[in-house]
Protein backbone atom coordinates (compact mmCIF):
# COMPACT_ATOMS: atom_id res chain seq x y z
CA MET A 1 6.54 -124.06 14.95
CA GLN A 2 8.20 -121.40 17.08
CA GLY A 3 11.96 -121.46 17.47
CA LEU A 4 12.80 -122.74 13.99
CA VAL A 5 13.49 -120.53 11.00
CA CYS A 6 14.05 -122.13 7.63
CA GLN A 7 15.66 -120.41 4.67
CA HIS A 8 12.93 -121.58 2.27
CA GLY A 9 9.90 -121.05 4.48
CA GLU A 10 7.45 -123.13 6.45
CA ALA A 11 7.25 -125.99 3.94
CA GLU A 12 10.98 -126.58 4.41
CA CYS A 13 10.54 -126.46 8.19
CA ARG A 14 7.75 -129.06 8.01
CA LEU A 15 9.91 -131.40 5.94
CA ASN A 16 12.90 -130.86 8.22
CA ARG A 17 10.71 -131.99 11.12
CA VAL A 18 9.54 -135.03 9.16
CA PHE A 19 13.11 -135.97 8.22
CA ALA A 20 14.32 -135.51 11.80
CA CYS A 21 11.59 -137.81 13.07
CA ALA A 22 12.32 -140.45 10.43
CA ILE A 23 16.00 -140.41 11.37
CA ASP A 24 15.20 -140.52 15.06
CA GLN A 25 12.77 -143.41 14.68
CA ALA A 26 14.61 -145.51 12.09
CA LYS A 27 18.03 -145.18 13.78
CA HIS A 28 20.04 -146.76 10.94
CA GLN A 29 21.01 -144.95 7.75
CA GLU A 30 19.96 -147.84 5.55
CA ASP A 31 16.44 -147.53 6.98
CA TRP A 32 15.88 -143.75 6.85
CA PHE A 33 17.98 -142.71 3.85
CA PRO A 34 15.70 -144.27 1.19
CA PHE A 35 12.77 -142.35 2.69
CA ILE A 36 14.58 -138.99 2.54
CA ALA A 37 15.89 -139.70 -0.98
CA CYS A 38 12.35 -140.57 -2.12
CA VAL A 39 10.85 -137.35 -0.72
CA GLU A 40 13.72 -135.20 -1.98
CA GLY A 41 13.26 -136.73 -5.43
CA LYS A 42 9.90 -134.97 -5.76
CA TYR A 43 9.39 -131.37 -6.83
CA GLY A 44 7.06 -128.49 -6.07
CA PRO A 45 3.84 -128.96 -4.15
CA GLU A 46 3.92 -132.73 -4.54
CA ILE A 47 6.96 -133.03 -2.28
CA GLU A 48 4.89 -132.81 0.92
CA ASP A 49 2.23 -135.07 -0.55
CA SER A 50 4.89 -137.74 -1.15
CA VAL A 51 5.74 -138.25 2.53
CA GLU A 52 3.19 -140.98 3.23
CA GLY A 53 3.96 -142.98 0.08
CA CYS A 54 7.71 -142.64 0.56
CA ALA A 55 7.43 -143.76 4.18
CA GLU A 56 5.47 -146.83 3.10
CA GLU A 57 7.97 -147.55 0.31
CA ALA A 58 10.86 -147.32 2.80
CA GLY A 59 9.10 -149.50 5.37
CA LEU A 60 8.68 -146.69 7.91
CA ALA A 61 5.56 -146.01 9.98
CA TYR A 62 4.02 -142.86 8.48
CA ASN A 63 1.68 -142.23 11.42
CA ASP A 64 4.58 -142.40 13.88
CA ILE A 65 6.58 -139.94 11.79
CA LYS A 66 3.59 -137.61 11.46
CA ASP A 67 2.85 -137.75 15.20
CA CYS A 68 6.49 -137.03 16.02
CA ALA A 69 6.72 -134.14 13.52
CA THR A 70 3.74 -132.40 15.08
CA GLY A 71 4.40 -133.38 18.69
CA ALA A 72 6.10 -131.80 21.65
CA HIS A 73 9.31 -133.84 21.32
CA ILE A 74 10.16 -132.56 17.85
CA PHE A 75 13.01 -130.32 19.04
CA TYR A 76 14.74 -133.36 20.55
CA SER A 77 14.44 -135.22 17.24
CA ILE A 78 15.74 -132.23 15.30
CA HIS A 79 18.68 -131.78 17.65
CA ARG A 80 19.51 -135.49 17.54
CA SER A 81 19.30 -135.75 13.75
CA GLY A 82 20.67 -132.32 12.83
CA ALA A 83 24.28 -133.39 12.70
CA ILE A 84 23.35 -136.37 10.52
CA LEU A 85 21.45 -134.22 8.02
CA LEU A 86 24.22 -131.62 7.97
CA PHE A 87 26.79 -134.32 7.20
CA TYR A 88 24.76 -135.82 4.35
CA SER A 89 23.86 -132.44 2.89
CA ARG A 90 27.56 -131.86 2.31
CA ILE A 91 28.05 -135.06 0.33
CA ILE A 92 24.61 -135.06 -1.36
CA PRO A 93 23.80 -131.39 -2.18
CA GLU A 94 20.10 -131.94 -2.94
CA LEU A 95 19.40 -132.91 0.69
């Protein structure tokens, strides 16, 4: 996606978009945080494959997250959730 540059490449950008959409859609930390923790708990190539299962486990709508992450409104979701992710990345380094 043009306009975003991620330190660890396109896979990181894709997951950042997914996380931003989950935060934007779930609204409350107790709803989106388990999803992000689940995905971040995976390693290597399986991390992107875990998104659907982690969304289901957290009670989030995977198709809505996927549609948002690939849709035209993604920059709004990233902007809206960016401060939240930045805050949590400081207290939980693996985020």
